Amino acid sequence: MTNNKSILWDDSTLQHDEAVVEALVEKIVVGDQTHKKKCVDKIMATIKTKAWQRNYPQRIFVFNILYSLDVHIIEISFSFHAQVVDALYFTISRDLKARNKRFDDKFNFVFEHIYGRKPTRTTSDALRILRNNVMHTGSINGIPPVIKTEDKRRLSYVCRKYKLGKSNRGATALAAEFDYLINDLVIRVLGLEWDDLSRNGRPPSWSVYFNRAKKLRS
């Protein structure tokens, strides 16, 4: 008898898993339906392997991404993507004692694990500030005096460095770049590679925000 039990979630089926994967591919991967079907098939083949299941025993991050795709409020979308970083950090590192580890350290770890290099430190620090703003105040920009003066200064510096505009608009722009990156990161965790995503254009991990080798042109 064929095992039809879900890999991604308890009390479900492989058909449901495939529907979830199809929804992710439809929203994240650029290409015609033939290309997208190949991507779905590749992901399903990947997650069925014992190696993938061993590497990713906790799979809640798949649903964090799924639920974020139809959200158009930046704070809610960002919170889903921040939870992906937390979930992947503990899944990959198995570091169950690191409850007090800073968000930027977890982000750096996950980024390096997937892309093979460290991201820009000033950007990951700014993402930590945005994450704290959202989790503690519900606003991507923070609410004075909850946001620390030093954090506000650091965030302003990053917005100037990347020419994102004033802090409020810049924070939203950086959060959108983070969301785009995490979508790309998760679809790679599920088994897609550079060639599968070539039609998406420049990978977000190569952008100036995350690539320490890149410099802005004036």
Protein backbone atom coordinates (compact mmCIF):
# COMPACT_ATOMS: atom_id res chain seq x y z
CA MET A 1 0.00 0.00 0.00
CA THR A 2 1.38 3.39 -1.01
CA ASN A 3 2.16 5.79 1.83
CA ASN A 4 0.10 8.91 1.20
CA LYS A 5 0.93 10.66 4.48
CA SER A 6 1.89 14.33 4.33
CA ILE A 7 5.56 15.25 4.65
CA LEU A 8 5.00 18.93 5.42
CA TRP A 9 2.30 18.67 8.07
CA ASP A 10 0.61 16.18 10.36
CA ASP A 11 -2.87 14.83 9.62
CA SER A 12 -2.71 15.64 5.93
CA THR A 13 -1.81 14.02 2.61
CA LEU A 14 0.77 14.23 -0.14
CA GLN A 15 -1.92 15.76 -2.35
CA HIS A 16 -2.22 18.62 0.12
CA ASP A 17 1.58 18.98 0.15
CA GLU A 18 1.58 19.25 -3.62
CA ALA A 19 -1.17 21.91 -3.51
CA VAL A 20 0.95 23.90 -1.03
CA VAL A 21 4.03 23.57 -3.26
CA GLU A 22 2.03 24.59 -6.34
CA ALA A 23 0.83 27.73 -4.53
CA LEU A 24 4.39 28.63 -3.54
CA VAL A 25 5.79 28.06 -7.03
CA GLU A 26 2.95 30.02 -8.63
CA LYS A 27 3.71 33.09 -6.52
CA ILE A 28 7.53 32.89 -6.31
CA VAL A 29 8.83 31.30 -9.53
CA VAL A 30 8.75 33.16 -12.85
CA GLY A 31 8.05 31.11 -15.97
CA ASP A 32 5.36 29.45 -18.03
CA GLN A 33 3.19 26.66 -16.67
CA THR A 34 5.46 23.96 -18.11
CA HIS A 35 8.43 25.39 -16.25
CA LYS A 36 6.43 25.79 -13.05
CA LYS A 37 5.20 22.19 -13.26
CA LYS A 38 8.81 21.01 -13.52
CA CYS A 39 9.66 23.06 -10.43
CA VAL A 40 6.73 21.55 -8.50
CA ASP A 41 7.81 18.04 -9.51
CA LYS A 42 11.41 18.77 -8.48
CA ILE A 43 10.36 20.07 -5.06
CA MET A 44 8.06 17.10 -4.45
CA ALA A 45 10.87 14.71 -5.38
CA THR A 46 13.24 16.58 -3.04
CA ILE A 47 11.00 16.65 0.04
CA LYS A 48 10.22 12.94 -0.34
CA THR A 49 13.87 12.05 0.20
CA LYS A 50 15.05 10.85 3.60
CA ALA A 51 18.01 13.25 3.42
CA TRP A 52 15.78 16.33 3.11
CA GLN A 53 13.45 15.11 5.84
CA ARG A 54 16.44 14.52 8.13
CA ASN A 55 17.84 17.99 7.42
CA TYR A 56 14.50 19.73 7.95
CA PRO A 57 12.56 17.83 10.63
CA GLN A 58 10.51 20.96 11.47
CA ARG A 59 8.67 22.35 8.43
CA ILE A 60 6.48 25.13 9.79
CA PHE A 61 8.54 27.64 7.76
CA VAL A 62 6.83 26.40 4.58
CA PHE A 63 3.48 27.58 5.92
CA ASN A 64 4.90 30.86 7.20
CA ILE A 65 5.82 31.64 3.60
CA LEU A 66 2.54 30.33 2.21
CA TYR A 67 0.46 32.54 4.50
CA SER A 68 2.66 35.59 3.86
CA LEU A 69 2.17 35.55 0.10
CA ASP A 70 -1.35 37.02 0.18
CA VAL A 71 -0.62 39.57 2.92
CA HIS A 72 -0.19 43.18 1.83
CA ILE A 73 0.46 44.76 5.22
CA ILE A 74 4.22 45.06 5.53
CA GLU A 75 4.35 44.48 9.29
CA ILE A 76 2.40 41.21 9.06
CA SER A 77 4.37 39.97 6.05
CA PHE A 78 7.65 40.87 7.75
CA SER A 79 6.66 39.03 10.95
CA PHE A 80 5.94 35.85 8.94
CA HIS A 81 9.34 36.09 7.24
CA ALA A 82 11.13 36.79 10.52
CA GLN A 83 9.54 33.62 11.93
CA VAL A 84 10.97 31.73 8.93
CA VAL A 85 14.46 32.82 9.98
CA ASP A 86 13.84 31.66 13.56
CA ALA A 87 12.40 28.32 12.43
CA LEU A 88 15.19 27.62 9.94
CA TYR A 89 17.88 28.63 12.42
CA PHE A 90 16.75 26.12 15.02
CA THR A 91 16.05 23.46 12.38
CA ILE A 92 19.45 23.76 10.71
CA SER A 93 21.64 24.48 13.72
CA ARG A 94 19.86 22.20 16.21
CA ASP A 95 20.94 24.86 18.72
CA LEU A 96 18.00 24.53 21.08
CA LYS A 97 19.76 26.46 23.84
CA ALA A 98 20.15 29.63 21.79
CA ARG A 99 16.86 31.24 22.81
CA ASN A 100 18.60 34.53 23.56
CA LYS A 101 20.60 34.65 20.32
CA ARG A 102 20.09 37.90 18.44
CA PHE A 103 17.94 37.91 15.32
CA ASP A 104 20.78 39.23 13.13
CA ASP A 105 23.04 36.35 14.22
CA LYS A 106 20.35 33.83 13.32
CA PHE A 107 19.76 35.55 9.98
CA ASN A 108 23.50 35.55 9.20
CA PHE A 109 23.73 31.84 10.02
CA VAL A 110 20.77 30.86 7.81
CA PHE A 111 21.90 33.12 4.95
CA GLU A 112 25.41 31.64 4.96
CA HIS A 113 24.05 28.09 5.16
CA ILE A 114 21.88 28.56 2.06
CA TYR A 115 23.99 30.94 -0.05
CA GLY A 116 27.50 29.98 1.07
CA ARG A 117 28.62 33.40 2.25
CA LYS A 118 27.85 35.93 4.92
CA PRO A 119 25.48 38.85 4.23
CA THR A 120 26.28 42.51 4.79
CA ARG A 121 26.53 43.07 8.54
CA THR A 122 24.97 46.54 8.54
CA THR A 123 21.93 45.18 6.69
CA SER A 124 21.44 42.24 9.06
CA ASP A 125 21.72 44.64 12.01
CA ALA A 126 19.07 46.88 10.43
CA LEU A 127 16.82 43.85 9.95
CA ARG A 128 17.22 43.07 13.66
CA ILE A 129 15.97 46.58 14.45
CA LEU A 130 13.00 46.21 12.08
CA ARG A 131 12.17 42.84 13.59
CA ASN A 132 12.23 44.32 17.11
CA ASN A 133 10.08 47.24 15.96
CA VAL A 134 7.43 44.92 14.54
CA MET A 135 7.43 42.45 17.41
CA HIS A 136 7.50 45.06 20.19
CA THR A 137 5.39 47.88 18.74
CA GLY A 138 3.52 46.45 15.74
CA SER A 139 5.06 49.11 13.49
CA ILE A 140 7.96 48.62 11.07
CA ASN A 141 9.22 52.09 12.05
CA GLY A 142 8.90 51.60 15.80
CA ILE A 143 7.07 53.88 18.20
CA PRO A 144 9.04 56.44 20.22
CA PRO A 145 10.25 56.06 22.89
CA VAL A 146 10.15 52.26 22.48
CA ILE A 147 12.75 52.31 19.69
CA LYS A 148 16.17 53.03 21.14
CA THR A 149 17.96 56.19 20.03
CA GLU A 150 20.99 54.14 18.98
CA ASP A 151 18.84 51.77 16.90
CA LYS A 152 17.12 54.74 15.25
CA ARG A 153 20.53 56.18 14.38
CA ARG A 154 21.72 52.85 12.93
CA LEU A 155 18.59 52.46 10.85
CA SER A 156 18.94 56.01 9.50
CA TYR A 157 22.54 55.25 8.55
CA VAL A 158 21.52 52.16 6.54
CA CYS A 159 18.75 54.09 4.78
CA ARG A 160 21.26 56.79 3.78
CA LYS A 161 23.90 54.24 2.77
CA TYR A 162 21.54 52.45 0.38
CA LYS A 163 19.76 55.61 -0.75
CA LEU A 164 16.42 54.33 0.50
CA GLY A 165 15.17 57.75 1.51
CA LYS A 166 14.13 58.90 4.96
CA SER A 167 13.90 56.33 7.74
CA ASN A 168 10.15 55.63 7.52
CA ARG A 169 10.12 55.03 3.77
CA GLY A 170 13.52 53.36 3.91
CA ALA A 171 12.44 50.88 6.58
CA THR A 172 9.51 49.78 4.41
CA ALA A 173 11.77 49.40 1.36
CA LEU A 174 14.31 47.33 3.29
CA ALA A 175 11.54 45.14 4.74
CA ALA A 176 10.28 44.47 1.21
CA GLU A 177 13.79 43.42 0.12
CA PHE A 178 13.96 41.09 3.13
CA ASP A 179 10.61 39.50 2.24
CA TYR A 180 11.78 38.95 -1.35
CA LEU A 181 15.00 37.37 -0.11
CA ILE A 182 13.27 34.98 2.30
CA ASN A 183 10.88 33.80 -0.42
CA ASP A 184 13.91 32.99 -2.58
CA LEU A 185 15.74 31.35 0.32
CA VAL A 186 12.85 29.03 1.22
CA ILE A 187 12.18 27.94 -2.36
CA ARG A 188 15.86 26.91 -2.50
CA VAL A 189 15.55 25.04 0.79
CA LEU A 190 12.72 23.10 -0.87
CA GLY A 191 15.02 21.98 -3.67
CA LEU A 192 15.17 24.56 -6.46
CA GLU A 193 18.54 25.80 -7.72
CA TRP A 194 20.00 28.70 -9.68
CA ASP A 195 18.97 27.29 -13.07
CA ASP A 196 15.38 26.72 -11.91
CA LEU A 197 15.14 30.36 -10.83
CA SER A 198 17.07 31.97 -13.70
CA ARG A 199 13.89 33.51 -15.11
CA ASN A 200 13.37 35.39 -11.86
CA GLY A 201 16.23 37.71 -12.79
CA ARG A 202 18.86 38.93 -10.35
CA PRO A 203 18.81 36.77 -7.21
CA PRO A 204 17.97 38.90 -4.15
CA SER A 205 21.02 37.49 -2.35
CA TRP A 206 23.19 39.27 -4.94
CA SER A 207 21.65 42.67 -4.29
CA VAL A 208 23.70 45.43 -2.75
CA TYR A 209 21.71 45.07 0.48
CA PHE A 210 22.99 41.56 1.13
CA ASN A 211 26.18 41.19 -0.92
CA ARG A 212 29.25 42.59 0.82
CA ALA A 213 31.17 42.59 -2.47
CA LYS A 214 28.69 44.94 -4.13
CA LYS A 215 28.97 48.72 -3.96
CA LEU A 216 26.43 51.34 -4.87
CA ARG A 217 27.07 53.49 -7.89
CA SER A 218 26.69 57.16 -7.22
